[in-house]
Amino acid sequence: MSDALTREPALLEVSDLGVEFSADRHRVLRAVDGVSFDIGPREIVGLVGESGCGKTTTGNAIVGLVPVAQGSITFDGKPIALQSAAQQRQFRREVQMVFQDPMGSLNPRLPVGDAILETLYVHRVHLGLATRRSRQSRAAELLERVGLGSDFIPRYPHELSGGQRQRVGIARALAVRPRLLIADEPVSALDVSIQVQILNLLKDLSKELSFACLFVAHDLAVVRYMCDRTLVMYLGEVVEEAPSDILFRTPSHPYTRALLSAVPDVDKGLAARHGEGSRIVLRGEVPSRLEPVPGCPFHPRCPEATERCHTERPGYATVKDDHLARCHFTG
């Protein structure tokens, strides 16, 4: 989707991705519908949208937690669907995930040190660490890297704060030196003061360890702070994509403008564009995913919709350079 002239070859390419779930014997829920994007080496890309828009499902599909109904996912130039068993093991090692709820993603019966070492065993990284002492040293090193210490090795998840548990989750994901990290709402369950610490940690680690990141979130301020590029999702589709500074300064899609107008003082340029202090209020509710919307999926709530929007599905249009939007009136 993006102009790659000034960017390195993509590490991850997602093309026309579709994910479906059976709602009942006769109906199918289309959770992700034709999503395409790429992520370059060391790039942090944000995926933002309302709850239920399909952003978490997109991340889960990339790592194989949910089946793909259509489209393709390519990692480092190799289609995942065509990988051999050995290549799949390598892929699972190189693409790691940090989950939203650290308490739910950590085994309550395993102390912190064992939770990290378990990752090394699963991916056979422990073979390069001959003794238990060397493996414990590796666990301590990872905990130090995320701002904890070796004294956390014998502790259990219930003995830690939410921020400490999320740091352990990050340490566990980084144990196998991934090239891509998928962070699914990694700070939404944390207090605001702790959120900033975790965000800074992820930014620093991405630079220090040179991994790319797909950062899934619903908080626009967090995405703007974290991400080089931002993708906006609505009803299973990516409706706008641009470098973060451009998207937050000059949003093109009506849905993106409505999202940003709901954030106080998100950008002075945006306030000037819509009138100081103005708020775009979307009418109606998000349509049911079980009943496909004809034309543009956003038209039932769009304040700018015309008759064309009711019947004709928009394609991607170039706003400027690598700024794209899925709207009939873009460009």
C-alpha atoms as a PDB file:
ATOM      1  CA  MET A   1       0.000   0.000   0.000  1.00  0.00           C
ATOM      2  CA  SER A   2       2.758   2.438   0.891  1.00  0.00           C
ATOM      3  CA  ASP A   3       5.263   4.110  -1.374  1.00  0.00           C
ATOM      4  CA  ALA A   4       8.488   2.220  -0.744  1.00  0.00           C
ATOM      5  CA  LEU A   5      10.861   4.429  -2.763  1.00  0.00           C
ATOM      6  CA  THR A   6      12.473   5.925   0.314  1.00  0.00           C
ATOM      7  CA  ARG A   7      12.074   2.904   2.587  1.00  0.00           C
ATOM      8  CA  GLU A   8      13.935  -0.353   2.992  1.00  0.00           C
ATOM      9  CA  PRO A   9      12.404  -3.563   1.621  1.00  0.00           C
ATOM     10  CA  ALA A  10       9.539  -4.681   3.838  1.00  0.00           C
ATOM     11  CA  LEU A  11      10.174  -7.154   6.634  1.00  0.00           C
ATOM     12  CA  LEU A  12       6.457  -8.017   6.816  1.00  0.00           C
ATOM     13  CA  GLU A  13       3.936  -7.725   3.985  1.00  0.00           C
ATOM     14  CA  VAL A  14       0.228  -8.335   4.530  1.00  0.00           C
ATOM     15  CA  SER A  15      -1.820  -8.469   1.338  1.00  0.00           C
ATOM     16  CA  ASP A  16      -5.631  -8.568   1.070  1.00  0.00           C
ATOM     17  CA  LEU A  17      -5.921 -10.294   4.449  1.00  0.00           C
ATOM     18  CA  GLY A  18      -9.306 -11.730   5.362  1.00  0.00           C
ATOM     19  CA  VAL A  19     -10.334 -13.470   8.590  1.00  0.00           C
ATOM     20  CA  GLU A  20     -13.749 -15.035   9.177  1.00  0.00           C
ATOM     21  CA  PHE A  21     -15.514 -16.628  12.137  1.00  0.00           C
ATOM     22  CA  SER A  22     -18.660 -18.757  12.103  1.00  0.00           C
ATOM     23  CA  ALA A  23     -21.400 -16.906  13.975  1.00  0.00           C
ATOM     24  CA  ASP A  24     -23.880 -19.765  13.639  1.00  0.00           C
ATOM     25  CA  ARG A  25     -24.749 -22.515  11.163  1.00  0.00           C
ATOM     26  CA  HIS A  26     -25.752 -20.080   8.441  1.00  0.00           C
ATOM     27  CA  ARG A  27     -23.836 -16.844   9.005  1.00  0.00           C
ATOM     28  CA  VAL A  28     -20.184 -15.829   8.875  1.00  0.00           C
ATOM     29  CA  LEU A  29     -18.657 -12.855  10.643  1.00  0.00           C
ATOM     30  CA  ARG A  30     -16.043 -11.091   8.517  1.00  0.00           C
ATOM     31  CA  ALA A  31     -13.647  -9.789  11.180  1.00  0.00           C
ATOM     32  CA  VAL A  32     -10.903  -8.609   8.818  1.00  0.00           C
ATOM     33  CA  ASP A  33     -11.708  -7.677   5.220  1.00  0.00           C
ATOM     34  CA  GLY A  34      -9.019  -7.044   2.609  1.00  0.00           C
ATOM     35  CA  VAL A  35      -6.365  -5.526   4.869  1.00  0.00           C
ATOM     36  CA  SER A  36      -2.999  -4.749   3.244  1.00  0.00           C
ATOM     37  CA  PHE A  37       0.073  -3.081   4.722  1.00  0.00           C
ATOM     38  CA  ASP A  38       3.783  -3.580   5.224  1.00  0.00           C
ATOM     39  CA  ILE A  39       6.338  -2.992   7.962  1.00  0.00           C
ATOM     40  CA  GLY A  40       9.972  -2.180   7.280  1.00  0.00           C
ATOM     41  CA  PRO A  41      12.947  -3.288   9.395  1.00  0.00           C
ATOM     42  CA  ARG A  42      13.114  -1.352  12.689  1.00  0.00           C
ATOM     43  CA  GLU A  43       9.859   0.466  11.852  1.00  0.00           C
ATOM     44  CA  ILE A  44       7.059   0.932  14.393  1.00  0.00           C
ATOM     45  CA  VAL A  45       3.649   0.874  12.720  1.00  0.00           C
ATOM     46  CA  GLY A  46       0.485   1.690  14.626  1.00  0.00           C
ATOM     47  CA  LEU A  47      -2.861  -0.018  14.018  1.00  0.00           C
ATOM     48  CA  VAL A  48      -5.629   2.030  15.583  1.00  0.00           C
ATOM     49  CA  GLY A  49      -9.417   1.960  15.688  1.00  0.00           C
ATOM     50  CA  GLU A  50     -12.472   1.412  17.851  1.00  0.00           C
ATOM     51  CA  SER A  51     -12.947  -1.773  19.846  1.00  0.00           C
ATOM     52  CA  GLY A  52     -14.140  -4.552  17.562  1.00  0.00           C
ATOM     53  CA  CYS A  53     -12.702  -3.069  14.363  1.00  0.00           C
ATOM     54  CA  GLY A  54     -10.451  -6.094  13.741  1.00  0.00           C
ATOM     55  CA  LYS A  55      -7.053  -4.761  14.774  1.00  0.00           C
ATOM     56  CA  THR A  56      -6.321  -7.458  17.382  1.00  0.00           C
ATOM     57  CA  THR A  57      -7.548 -10.157  14.987  1.00  0.00           C
ATOM     58  CA  THR A  58      -5.114  -8.842  12.375  1.00  0.00           C
ATOM     59  CA  GLY A  59      -2.204  -9.251  14.788  1.00  0.00           C
ATOM     60  CA  ASN A  60      -3.407 -12.707  15.804  1.00  0.00           C
ATOM     61  CA  ALA A  61      -3.642 -13.772  12.158  1.00  0.00           C
ATOM     62  CA  ILE A  62      -0.043 -12.745  11.520  1.00  0.00           C
ATOM     63  CA  VAL A  63       1.290 -14.982  14.289  1.00  0.00           C
ATOM     64  CA  GLY A  64      -1.071 -17.833  13.406  1.00  0.00           C
ATOM     65  CA  LEU A  65      -3.438 -17.648  16.381  1.00  0.00           C
ATOM     66  CA  VAL A  66      -6.449 -17.458  14.054  1.00  0.00           C
ATOM     67  CA  PRO A  67      -6.819 -18.978  10.561  1.00  0.00           C
ATOM     68  CA  VAL A  68      -6.571 -16.809   7.454  1.00  0.00           C
ATOM     69  CA  ALA A  69      -9.559 -16.992   5.071  1.00  0.00           C
ATOM     70  CA  GLN A  70      -7.962 -15.041   2.216  1.00  0.00           C
ATOM     71  CA  GLY A  71      -4.871 -13.090   1.258  1.00  0.00           C
ATOM     72  CA  SER A  72      -1.230 -13.662   2.074  1.00  0.00           C
ATOM     73  CA  ILE A  73       1.348 -12.834   4.736  1.00  0.00           C
ATOM     74  CA  THR A  74       4.986 -12.596   3.700  1.00  0.00           C
ATOM     75  CA  PHE A  75       7.865 -12.362   6.160  1.00  0.00           C
ATOM     76  CA  ASP A  76      11.361 -11.478   4.986  1.00  0.00           C
ATOM     77  CA  GLY A  77      10.319 -12.168   1.399  1.00  0.00           C
ATOM     78  CA  LYS A  78       8.910 -15.655   2.108  1.00  0.00           C
ATOM     79  CA  PRO A  79       5.140 -16.403   2.074  1.00  0.00           C
ATOM     80  CA  ILE A  80       4.216 -17.898   5.435  1.00  0.00           C
ATOM     81  CA  ALA A  81       1.723 -20.316   3.884  1.00  0.00           C
ATOM     82  CA  LEU A  82       4.502 -21.931   1.804  1.00  0.00           C
ATOM     83  CA  GLN A  83       7.010 -22.325   4.622  1.00  0.00           C
ATOM     84  CA  SER A  84       8.463 -25.689   5.546  1.00  0.00           C
ATOM     85  CA  ALA A  85       8.183 -26.952   9.126  1.00  0.00           C
ATOM     86  CA  ALA A  86      11.702 -25.677   9.872  1.00  0.00           C
ATOM     87  CA  GLN A  87      10.901 -22.262   8.379  1.00  0.00           C
ATOM     88  CA  GLN A  88       7.711 -22.071  10.434  1.00  0.00           C
ATOM     89  CA  ARG A  89       9.681 -22.716  13.615  1.00  0.00           C
ATOM     90  CA  GLN A  90      12.097 -19.957  12.626  1.00  0.00           C
ATOM     91  CA  PHE A  91       9.193 -17.607  11.874  1.00  0.00           C
ATOM     92  CA  ARG A  92       7.586 -18.254  15.270  1.00  0.00           C
ATOM     93  CA  ARG A  93      10.899 -17.412  16.879  1.00  0.00           C
ATOM     94  CA  GLU A  94      11.437 -14.213  14.883  1.00  0.00           C
ATOM     95  CA  VAL A  95       7.905 -12.872  15.389  1.00  0.00           C
ATOM     96  CA  GLN A  96       6.889 -12.522  19.025  1.00  0.00           C
ATOM     97  CA  MET A  97       3.844 -11.058  20.734  1.00  0.00           C
ATOM     98  CA  VAL A  98       3.205  -8.945  23.820  1.00  0.00           C
ATOM     99  CA  PHE A  99      -0.392  -9.323  24.979  1.00  0.00           C
ATOM    100  CA  GLN A 100      -2.794  -6.810  26.483  1.00  0.00           C
ATOM    101  CA  ASP A 101      -3.321  -8.596  29.793  1.00  0.00           C
ATOM    102  CA  PRO A 102       0.017  -9.616  31.333  1.00  0.00           C
ATOM    103  CA  MET A 103      -1.714 -11.520  34.132  1.00  0.00           C
ATOM    104  CA  GLY A 104      -3.620 -13.627  31.630  1.00  0.00           C
ATOM    105  CA  SER A 105      -0.590 -14.283  29.408  1.00  0.00           C
ATOM    106  CA  LEU A 106       1.740 -15.444  32.207  1.00  0.00           C
ATOM    107  CA  ASN A 107       1.396 -18.892  33.760  1.00  0.00           C
ATOM    108  CA  PRO A 108       0.413 -18.260  37.414  1.00  0.00           C
ATOM    109  CA  ARG A 109       2.206 -21.476  38.459  1.00  0.00           C
ATOM    110  CA  LEU A 110       5.563 -20.488  36.972  1.00  0.00           C
ATOM    111  CA  PRO A 111       7.953 -18.070  38.671  1.00  0.00           C
ATOM    112  CA  VAL A 112       9.214 -15.239  36.491  1.00  0.00           C
ATOM    113  CA  GLY A 113      12.562 -16.857  35.753  1.00  0.00           C
ATOM    114  CA  ASP A 114      10.955 -20.098  34.563  1.00  0.00           C
ATOM    115  CA  ALA A 115       8.455 -18.200  32.410  1.00  0.00           C
ATOM    116  CA  ILE A 116      11.339 -16.608  30.529  1.00  0.00           C
ATOM    117  CA  LEU A 117      13.358 -19.824  30.353  1.00  0.00           C
ATOM    118  CA  GLU A 118      10.303 -21.673  29.012  1.00  0.00           C
ATOM    119  CA  THR A 119      10.475 -19.476  25.899  1.00  0.00           C
ATOM    120  CA  LEU A 120      14.127 -20.420  25.422  1.00  0.00           C
ATOM    121  CA  TYR A 121      13.238 -24.125  25.680  1.00  0.00           C
ATOM    122  CA  VAL A 122      10.283 -23.903  23.282  1.00  0.00           C
ATOM    123  CA  HIS A 123      12.431 -22.243  20.624  1.00  0.00           C
ATOM    124  CA  ARG A 124      15.508 -24.363  21.465  1.00  0.00           C
ATOM    125  CA  VAL A 125      17.617 -21.324  22.280  1.00  0.00           C
ATOM    126  CA  HIS A 126      18.626 -23.042  25.530  1.00  0.00           C
ATOM    127  CA  LEU A 127      20.898 -25.338  23.514  1.00  0.00           C
ATOM    128  CA  GLY A 128      23.451 -22.547  23.411  1.00  0.00           C
ATOM    129  CA  LEU A 129      23.248 -22.169  27.190  1.00  0.00           C
ATOM    130  CA  ALA A 130      24.857 -25.353  28.491  1.00  0.00           C
ATOM    131  CA  THR A 131      24.206 -25.044  32.228  1.00  0.00           C
ATOM    132  CA  ARG A 132      21.280 -23.963  34.362  1.00  0.00           C
ATOM    133  CA  ARG A 133      23.496 -21.245  35.784  1.00  0.00           C
ATOM    134  CA  SER A 134      24.051 -19.794  32.325  1.00  0.00           C
ATOM    135  CA  ARG A 135      20.296 -19.934  31.641  1.00  0.00           C
ATOM    136  CA  GLN A 136      19.529 -18.190  34.929  1.00  0.00           C
ATOM    137  CA  SER A 137      22.116 -15.582  33.985  1.00  0.00           C
ATOM    138  CA  ARG A 138      20.302 -15.057  30.673  1.00  0.00           C
ATOM    139  CA  ALA A 139      16.979 -14.604  32.483  1.00  0.00           C
ATOM    140  CA  ALA A 140      18.579 -12.075  34.854  1.00  0.00           C
ATOM    141  CA  GLU A 141      20.071 -10.199  31.892  1.00  0.00           C
ATOM    142  CA  LEU A 142      16.667  -9.944  30.210  1.00  0.00           C
ATOM    143  CA  LEU A 143      15.003  -8.743  33.401  1.00  0.00           C
ATOM    144  CA  GLU A 144      17.689  -6.110  33.841  1.00  0.00           C
ATOM    145  CA  ARG A 145      17.092  -4.966  30.270  1.00  0.00           C
ATOM    146  CA  VAL A 146      13.409  -4.277  30.989  1.00  0.00           C
ATOM    147  CA  GLY A 147      14.096  -2.434  34.232  1.00  0.00           C
ATOM    148  CA  LEU A 148      13.722  -5.288  36.700  1.00  0.00           C
ATOM    149  CA  GLY A 149      16.445  -7.328  38.413  1.00  0.00           C
ATOM    150  CA  SER A 150      17.548 -10.856  39.220  1.00  0.00           C
ATOM    151  CA  ASP A 151      15.612 -10.706  42.496  1.00  0.00           C
ATOM    152  CA  PHE A 152      12.430 -11.079  40.385  1.00  0.00           C
ATOM    153  CA  ILE A 153      13.461 -14.532  39.095  1.00  0.00           C
ATOM    154  CA  PRO A 154      11.802 -16.523  41.947  1.00  0.00           C
ATOM    155  CA  ARG A 155       8.686 -14.334  42.160  1.00  0.00           C
ATOM    156  CA  TYR A 156       5.274 -15.362  40.842  1.00  0.00           C
ATOM    157  CA  PRO A 157       3.009 -13.184  38.642  1.00  0.00           C
ATOM    158  CA  HIS A 158       0.521 -12.512  41.455  1.00  0.00           C
ATOM    159  CA  GLU A 159       3.337 -10.953  43.491  1.00  0.00           C
ATOM    160  CA  LEU A 160       3.987  -8.299  40.839  1.00  0.00           C
ATOM    161  CA  SER A 161       2.263  -5.068  39.886  1.00  0.00           C
ATOM    162  CA  GLY A 162       0.625  -4.706  36.463  1.00  0.00           C
ATOM    163  CA  GLY A 163       3.568  -2.741  35.105  1.00  0.00           C
ATOM    164  CA  GLN A 164       6.059  -5.285  36.415  1.00  0.00           C
ATOM    165  CA  ARG A 165       4.090  -8.140  34.845  1.00  0.00           C
ATOM    166  CA  GLN A 166       4.073  -6.363  31.498  1.00  0.00           C
ATOM    167  CA  ARG A 167       7.840  -5.876  31.745  1.00  0.00           C
ATOM    168  CA  VAL A 168       8.175  -9.620  32.298  1.00  0.00           C
ATOM    169  CA  GLY A 169       6.000 -10.209  29.225  1.00  0.00           C
ATOM    170  CA  ILE A 170       8.279  -7.973  27.184  1.00  0.00           C
ATOM    171  CA  ALA A 171      11.397  -9.729  28.539  1.00  0.00           C
ATOM    172  CA  ARG A 172       9.888 -13.107  27.630  1.00  0.00           C
ATOM    173  CA  ALA A 173       9.131 -11.932  24.076  1.00  0.00           C
ATOM    174  CA  LEU A 174      12.640 -10.531  23.627  1.00  0.00           C
ATOM    175  CA  ALA A 175      14.336 -13.669  24.994  1.00  0.00           C
ATOM    176  CA  VAL A 176      14.613 -15.192  21.511  1.00  0.00           C
ATOM    177  CA  ARG A 177      15.775 -11.947  19.849  1.00  0.00           C
ATOM    178  CA  PRO A 178      12.773 -11.417  17.517  1.00  0.00           C
ATOM    179  CA  ARG A 179      12.907  -9.259  14.416  1.00  0.00           C
ATOM    180  CA  LEU A 180       9.242  -8.263  14.722  1.00  0.00           C
ATOM    181  CA  LEU A 181       7.243  -7.628  17.876  1.00  0.00           C
ATOM    182  CA  ILE A 182       3.452  -7.459  17.794  1.00  0.00           C
ATOM    183  CA  ALA A 183       2.286  -5.444  20.784  1.00  0.00           C
ATOM    184  CA  ASP A 184      -1.465  -5.830  21.314  1.00  0.00           C
ATOM    185  CA  GLU A 185      -2.741  -2.978  23.498  1.00  0.00           C
ATOM    186  CA  PRO A 186       0.325  -3.410  25.749  1.00  0.00           C
ATOM    187  CA  VAL A 187      -0.473  -0.471  28.064  1.00  0.00           C
ATOM    188  CA  SER A 188      -4.284  -0.234  28.041  1.00  0.00           C
ATOM    189  CA  ALA A 189      -4.612  -2.247  31.275  1.00  0.00           C
ATOM    190  CA  LEU A 190      -2.052  -0.123  33.147  1.00  0.00           C
ATOM    191  CA  ASP A 191      -2.220   3.098  35.127  1.00  0.00           C
ATOM    192  CA  VAL A 192      -1.356   6.206  33.115  1.00  0.00           C
ATOM    193  CA  SER A 193       1.916   6.811  34.993  1.00  0.00           C
ATOM    194  CA  ILE A 194       3.014   3.223  34.287  1.00  0.00           C
ATOM    195  CA  GLN A 195       1.937   3.471  30.645  1.00  0.00           C
ATOM    196  CA  VAL A 196       4.571   6.117  29.958  1.00  0.00           C
ATOM    197  CA  GLN A 197       7.302   3.930  31.452  1.00  0.00           C
ATOM    198  CA  ILE A 198       6.331   0.926  29.319  1.00  0.00           C
ATOM    199  CA  LEU A 199       6.050   3.023  26.153  1.00  0.00           C
ATOM    200  CA  ASN A 200       9.488   4.538  26.701  1.00  0.00           C
ATOM    201  CA  LEU A 201      10.860   1.070  27.394  1.00  0.00           C
ATOM    202  CA  LEU A 202       9.477  -0.303  24.124  1.00  0.00           C
ATOM    203  CA  LYS A 203      10.790   2.660  22.127  1.00  0.00           C
ATOM    204  CA  ASP A 204      14.248   2.373  23.647  1.00  0.00           C
ATOM    205  CA  LEU A 205      14.397  -1.399  23.182  1.00  0.00           C
ATOM    206  CA  SER A 206      13.268  -1.196  19.547  1.00  0.00           C
ATOM    207  CA  LYS A 207      16.193   1.104  18.801  1.00  0.00           C
ATOM    208  CA  GLU A 208      18.673  -0.800  20.933  1.00  0.00           C
ATOM    209  CA  LEU A 209      17.755  -4.274  19.630  1.00  0.00           C
ATOM    210  CA  SER A 210      16.707  -3.181  16.111  1.00  0.00           C
ATOM    211  CA  PHE A 211      13.353  -4.955  15.954  1.00  0.00           C
ATOM    212  CA  ALA A 212      10.274  -3.777  14.084  1.00  0.00           C
ATOM    213  CA  CYS A 213       6.912  -3.467  15.822  1.00  0.00           C
ATOM    214  CA  LEU A 214       3.226  -3.614  14.963  1.00  0.00           C
ATOM    215  CA  PHE A 215       1.683  -1.553  17.754  1.00  0.00           C
ATOM    216  CA  VAL A 216      -2.052  -2.239  18.171  1.00  0.00           C
ATOM    217  CA  ALA A 217      -3.945   0.359  20.208  1.00  0.00           C
ATOM    218  CA  HIS A 218      -7.100   2.418  20.493  1.00  0.00           C
ATOM    219  CA  ASP A 219      -5.439   5.400  22.232  1.00  0.00           C
ATOM    220  CA  LEU A 220      -4.524   7.959  19.576  1.00  0.00           C
ATOM    221  CA  ALA A 221      -2.103   9.855  21.788  1.00  0.00           C
ATOM    222  CA  VAL A 222      -0.165   6.655  22.484  1.00  0.00           C
ATOM    223  CA  VAL A 223      -0.026   5.753  18.791  1.00  0.00           C
ATOM    224  CA  ARG A 224       1.155   9.217  17.843  1.00  0.00           C
ATOM    225  CA  TYR A 225       3.949   9.043  20.425  1.00  0.00           C
ATOM    226  CA  MET A 226       5.075   5.536  19.511  1.00  0.00           C
ATOM    227  CA  CYS A 227       4.670   5.019  15.794  1.00  0.00           C
ATOM    228  CA  ASP A 228       6.459   6.012  12.599  1.00  0.00           C
ATOM    229  CA  ARG A 229       3.367   5.233  10.507  1.00  0.00           C
ATOM    230  CA  THR A 230      -0.271   4.814  11.459  1.00  0.00           C
ATOM    231  CA  LEU A 231      -3.052   2.692   9.955  1.00  0.00           C
ATOM    232  CA  VAL A 232      -6.653   3.498  10.866  1.00  0.00           C
ATOM    233  CA  MET A 233      -9.137   0.587  10.851  1.00  0.00           C
ATOM    234  CA  TYR A 234     -12.907   0.665  10.652  1.00  0.00           C
ATOM    235  CA  LEU A 235     -15.205  -2.357  10.403  1.00  0.00           C
ATOM    236  CA  GLY A 236     -12.413  -4.731   9.405  1.00  0.00           C
ATOM    237  CA  GLU A 237     -10.807  -2.441   6.809  1.00  0.00           C
ATOM    238  CA  VAL A 238      -7.845  -0.070   6.798  1.00  0.00           C
ATOM    239  CA  VAL A 239      -9.424   3.254   5.784  1.00  0.00           C
ATOM    240  CA  GLU A 240      -6.338   5.482   6.021  1.00  0.00           C
ATOM    241  CA  GLU A 241      -2.574   5.100   6.156  1.00  0.00           C
ATOM    242  CA  ALA A 242       0.163   7.717   6.434  1.00  0.00           C
ATOM    243  CA  PRO A 243       3.320   8.649   8.324  1.00  0.00           C
ATOM    244  CA  SER A 244       2.113   9.495  11.821  1.00  0.00           C
ATOM    245  CA  ASP A 245       3.039  13.180  11.755  1.00  0.00           C
ATOM    246  CA  ILE A 246       1.138  13.654   8.482  1.00  0.00           C
ATOM    247  CA  LEU A 247      -1.921  11.658   9.492  1.00  0.00           C
ATOM    248  CA  PHE A 248      -2.329  13.480  12.797  1.00  0.00           C
ATOM    249  CA  ARG A 249      -1.717  16.873  11.202  1.00  0.00           C
ATOM    250  CA  THR A 250      -3.815  16.471   8.033  1.00  0.00           C
ATOM    251  CA  PRO A 251      -6.236  13.501   8.297  1.00  0.00           C
ATOM    252  CA  SER A 252      -8.113  12.789   5.086  1.00  0.00           C
ATOM    253  CA  HIS A 253     -10.754  10.143   5.817  1.00  0.00           C
ATOM    254  CA  PRO A 254     -13.940  11.376   7.602  1.00  0.00           C
ATOM    255  CA  TYR A 255     -13.595   8.596  10.173  1.00  0.00           C
ATOM    256  CA  THR A 256     -10.022   9.580  11.032  1.00  0.00           C
ATOM    257  CA  ARG A 257     -11.075  13.209  11.382  1.00  0.00           C
ATOM    258  CA  ALA A 258     -13.903  12.176  13.715  1.00  0.00           C
ATOM    259  CA  LEU A 259     -11.536  10.100  15.865  1.00  0.00           C
ATOM    260  CA  LEU A 260      -9.041  12.932  16.157  1.00  0.00           C
ATOM    261  CA  SER A 261     -11.710  15.523  16.895  1.00  0.00           C
ATOM    262  CA  ALA A 262     -12.639  13.517  20.008  1.00  0.00           C
ATOM    263  CA  VAL A 263      -9.127  13.933  21.445  1.00  0.00           C
ATOM    264  CA  PRO A 264      -8.680  17.262  23.255  1.00  0.00           C
ATOM    265  CA  ASP A 265      -6.002  19.437  21.634  1.00  0.00           C
ATOM    266  CA  VAL A 266      -4.618  16.530  19.637  1.00  0.00           C
ATOM    267  CA  ASP A 267      -3.223  18.950  17.070  1.00  0.00           C
ATOM    268  CA  LYS A 268      -3.479  22.691  16.599  1.00  0.00           C
ATOM    269  CA  GLY A 269      -3.625  22.244  12.847  1.00  0.00           C
ATOM    270  CA  LEU A 270      -6.643  19.962  13.179  1.00  0.00           C
ATOM    271  CA  ALA A 271      -8.403  22.422  15.456  1.00  0.00           C
ATOM    272  CA  ALA A 272      -7.821  25.178  12.917  1.00  0.00           C
ATOM    273  CA  ARG A 273      -9.147  22.981  10.125  1.00  0.00           C
ATOM    274  CA  HIS A 274     -12.454  22.197  11.821  1.00  0.00           C
ATOM    275  CA  GLY A 275     -12.833  25.274  13.933  1.00  0.00           C
ATOM    276  CA  GLU A 276     -11.351  25.768  17.388  1.00  0.00           C
ATOM    277  CA  GLY A 277     -12.772  23.272  19.851  1.00  0.00           C
ATOM    278  CA  SER A 278     -15.129  21.661  17.318  1.00  0.00           C
ATOM    279  CA  ARG A 279     -16.135  18.021  17.718  1.00  0.00           C
ATOM    280  CA  ILE A 280     -17.354  15.714  14.967  1.00  0.00           C
ATOM    281  CA  VAL A 281     -20.139  13.571  16.410  1.00  0.00           C
ATOM    282  CA  LEU A 282     -20.858  10.393  14.487  1.00  0.00           C
ATOM    283  CA  ARG A 283     -24.504   9.414  14.300  1.00  0.00           C
ATOM    284  CA  GLY A 284     -25.798   5.899  14.775  1.00  0.00           C
ATOM    285  CA  GLU A 285     -24.039   2.738  15.851  1.00  0.00           C
ATOM    286  CA  VAL A 286     -21.323   0.651  14.234  1.00  0.00           C
ATOM    287  CA  PRO A 287     -23.116  -1.676  11.762  1.00  0.00           C
ATOM    288  CA  SER A 288     -23.322  -5.385  12.531  1.00  0.00           C
ATOM    289  CA  ARG A 289     -20.487  -7.402  11.031  1.00  0.00           C
ATOM    290  CA  LEU A 290     -23.008 -10.135  10.227  1.00  0.00           C
ATOM    291  CA  GLU A 291     -24.832  -7.923   7.717  1.00  0.00           C
ATOM    292  CA  PRO A 292     -22.437  -6.473   5.097  1.00  0.00           C
ATOM    293  CA  VAL A 293     -22.962  -2.784   4.388  1.00  0.00           C
ATOM    294  CA  PRO A 294     -23.397  -1.922   0.677  1.00  0.00           C
ATOM    295  CA  GLY A 295     -21.112   0.734  -0.713  1.00  0.00           C
ATOM    296  CA  CYS A 296     -18.730   2.395   1.731  1.00  0.00           C
ATOM    297  CA  PRO A 297     -18.872   0.623   5.131  1.00  0.00           C
ATOM    298  CA  PHE A 298     -18.645   4.004   6.879  1.00  0.00           C
ATOM    299  CA  HIS A 299     -21.503   5.679   5.011  1.00  0.00           C
ATOM    300  CA  PRO A 300     -24.244   4.982   7.640  1.00  0.00           C
ATOM    301  CA  ARG A 301     -22.327   7.156  10.122  1.00  0.00           C
ATOM    302  CA  CYS A 302     -20.428   9.511   7.812  1.00  0.00           C
ATOM    303  CA  PRO A 303     -21.453  13.193   8.000  1.00  0.00           C
ATOM    304  CA  GLU A 304     -20.160  13.701   4.436  1.00  0.00           C
ATOM    305  CA  ALA A 305     -21.804  10.694   2.738  1.00  0.00           C
ATOM    306  CA  THR A 306     -23.499  11.129  -0.651  1.00  0.00           C
ATOM    307  CA  GLU A 307     -25.670   8.806  -2.730  1.00  0.00           C
ATOM    308  CA  ARG A 308     -22.517   7.381  -4.340  1.00  0.00           C
ATOM    309  CA  CYS A 309     -21.252   6.278  -0.921  1.00  0.00           C
ATOM    310  CA  HIS A 310     -24.429   4.201  -0.407  1.00  0.00           C
ATOM    311  CA  THR A 311     -23.842   2.063  -3.486  1.00  0.00           C
ATOM    312  CA  GLU A 312     -20.177   2.157  -4.534  1.00  0.00           C
ATOM    313  CA  ARG A 313     -17.346   0.737  -2.458  1.00  0.00           C
ATOM    314  CA  PRO A 314     -14.354   3.112  -2.485  1.00  0.00           C
ATOM    315  CA  GLY A 315     -10.840   1.959  -3.325  1.00  0.00           C
ATOM    316  CA  TYR A 316      -7.590   3.358  -2.000  1.00  0.00           C
ATOM    317  CA  ALA A 317      -6.715   6.819  -3.287  1.00  0.00           C
ATOM    318  CA  THR A 318      -3.442   8.664  -2.891  1.00  0.00           C
ATOM    319  CA  VAL A 319      -3.784  11.861  -0.908  1.00  0.00           C
ATOM    320  CA  LYS A 320      -0.124  12.764  -1.327  1.00  0.00           C
ATOM    321  CA  ASP A 321       2.991  10.601  -1.641  1.00  0.00           C
ATOM    322  CA  ASP A 322       2.603   7.748   0.900  1.00  0.00           C
ATOM    323  CA  HIS A 323      -0.636   9.059   2.406  1.00  0.00           C
ATOM    324  CA  LEU A 324      -3.582   6.864   1.346  1.00  0.00           C
ATOM    325  CA  ALA A 325      -7.271   6.909   2.215  1.00  0.00           C
ATOM    326  CA  ARG A 326     -10.239   4.747   1.273  1.00  0.00           C
ATOM    327  CA  CYS A 327     -12.765   7.421   0.389  1.00  0.00           C
ATOM    328  CA  HIS A 328     -14.462   8.602  -2.810  1.00  0.00           C
ATOM    329  CA  PHE A 329     -13.564  12.199  -2.045  1.00  0.00           C
ATOM    330  CA  THR A 330      -9.865  11.778  -1.266  1.00  0.00           C
ATOM    331  CA  GLY A 331      -7.226  13.433  -3.384  1.00  0.00           C
END
